[in-house]
């Protein structure tokens, strides 16, 4: 018999097959970029595609789930337009949003 210890998603006793979520360790590889102008162009193009896709998702969600629930896509668009400090990109954008508003 195998015994699993961890955080349960169900408060109680369950009988049946077990699904175990295992996190993969990922390594972020840093590389040197010689042509920064080209990389910045790629970044700008990716931001534009992201904004377009988020706009489309907002319109679709607006029709399907209403304005309140579709607003999450507007928030994501706002997050894409903030000029976040470099350290925010490396960790998490959420704690840095308040400082991003001051930039």
Protein backbone atom coordinates (compact mmCIF):
# COMPACT_ATOMS: atom_id res chain seq x y z
CA UNK A 1 0.00 0.00 0.00
CA UNK A 2 1.31 3.44 -0.94
CA UNK A 3 0.78 6.37 1.39
CA UNK A 4 0.61 9.95 0.09
CA UNK A 5 0.98 12.98 2.30
CA UNK A 6 0.14 16.42 1.01
CA UNK A 7 -2.53 19.04 0.63
CA UNK A 8 -5.95 17.62 -0.05
CA UNK A 9 -8.48 19.28 -2.32
CA UNK A 10 -11.31 17.41 -0.60
CA UNK A 11 -12.14 17.68 3.10
CA UNK A 12 -13.15 14.17 3.98
CA UNK A 13 -12.44 10.61 3.04
CA UNK A 14 -12.38 9.52 -0.57
CA UNK A 15 -11.98 6.12 -2.13
CA UNK A 16 -10.71 5.70 -5.66
CA UNK A 17 -7.70 6.30 -7.88
CA UNK A 18 -5.20 8.92 -6.74
CA UNK A 19 -3.85 11.69 -8.96
CA UNK A 20 -0.54 13.07 -7.77
CA UNK A 21 0.64 16.46 -9.01
CA UNK A 22 4.40 16.58 -9.22
CA UNK A 23 6.09 19.88 -9.83
CA UNK A 24 8.91 19.91 -12.33
CA UNK A 25 12.05 21.74 -11.40
CA UNK A 26 12.84 24.14 -14.18
CA UNK A 27 16.06 25.93 -14.78
CA UNK A 28 16.11 29.39 -16.27
CA UNK A 29 19.04 29.66 -18.62
CA UNK A 30 20.54 33.09 -19.12
CA UNK A 31 22.04 33.85 -22.49
CA UNK A 32 23.85 36.87 -23.82
CA UNK A 33 22.04 38.85 -26.52
CA UNK A 34 24.20 40.72 -28.99
CA UNK A 35 21.43 42.46 -30.92
CA UNK A 36 19.29 44.09 -28.25
CA UNK A 37 17.42 46.26 -30.75
CA UNK A 38 16.14 43.16 -32.54
CA UNK A 39 15.10 41.57 -29.23
CA UNK A 40 13.23 44.72 -28.23
CA UNK A 41 11.40 44.63 -31.58
CA UNK A 42 10.42 41.02 -30.89
CA UNK A 43 9.21 42.02 -27.42
CA UNK A 44 7.10 44.86 -28.84
CA UNK A 45 5.59 42.54 -31.45
CA UNK A 46 4.76 39.99 -28.74
CA UNK A 47 3.13 42.71 -26.63
CA UNK A 48 0.99 43.80 -29.59
CA UNK A 49 -0.12 40.23 -30.28
CA UNK A 50 -0.91 39.79 -26.59
CA UNK A 51 -2.99 42.97 -26.46
CA UNK A 52 -4.93 41.89 -29.57
CA UNK A 53 -5.59 38.42 -28.18
CA UNK A 54 -6.66 39.80 -24.80
CA UNK A 55 -9.05 42.20 -26.55
CA UNK A 56 -10.56 39.33 -28.49
CA UNK A 57 -10.90 37.27 -25.33
CA UNK A 58 -12.57 40.19 -23.57
CA UNK A 59 -15.14 40.59 -26.36
CA UNK A 60 -15.89 36.86 -26.38
CA UNK A 61 -16.17 36.72 -22.58
CA UNK A 62 -18.35 39.83 -22.58
CA UNK A 63 -20.91 37.99 -24.72
CA UNK A 64 -20.67 34.69 -22.84
CA UNK A 65 -20.20 35.59 -19.17
CA UNK A 66 -20.94 39.30 -18.85
CA UNK A 67 -18.99 42.45 -18.14
CA UNK A 68 -18.03 41.68 -14.54
CA UNK A 69 -16.41 38.35 -15.37
CA UNK A 70 -14.88 39.59 -18.62
CA UNK A 71 -13.11 42.41 -16.76
CA UNK A 72 -10.21 40.08 -15.92
CA UNK A 73 -9.03 40.40 -19.52
CA UNK A 74 -9.06 44.20 -19.25
CA UNK A 75 -6.95 43.90 -16.11
CA UNK A 76 -4.48 41.72 -17.99
CA UNK A 77 -4.30 44.35 -20.72
CA UNK A 78 -3.56 46.99 -18.10
CA UNK A 79 -0.81 44.83 -16.67
CA UNK A 80 0.75 44.55 -20.12
CA UNK A 81 0.86 48.33 -20.52
CA UNK A 82 2.62 49.08 -17.23
CA UNK A 83 6.32 49.66 -17.42
CA UNK A 84 7.48 47.24 -14.78
CA UNK A 85 10.92 47.36 -13.19
CA UNK A 86 13.26 44.63 -14.38
CA UNK A 87 13.22 42.77 -11.04
CA UNK A 88 9.43 42.40 -11.26
CA UNK A 89 9.75 40.43 -14.48
CA UNK A 90 12.16 38.01 -12.85
CA UNK A 91 9.90 37.16 -9.92
CA UNK A 92 6.20 37.98 -10.07
CA UNK A 93 4.26 40.88 -11.53
CA UNK A 94 1.50 40.92 -8.94
CA UNK A 95 3.46 42.23 -5.89
CA UNK A 96 5.10 44.85 -8.09
CA UNK A 97 1.99 46.44 -9.56
CA UNK A 98 1.80 49.08 -6.84
CA UNK A 99 5.38 50.14 -7.53
CA UNK A 100 4.75 49.99 -11.29
CA UNK A 101 2.05 52.61 -10.96
CA UNK A 102 4.61 54.99 -9.49
CA UNK A 103 7.13 54.52 -12.34
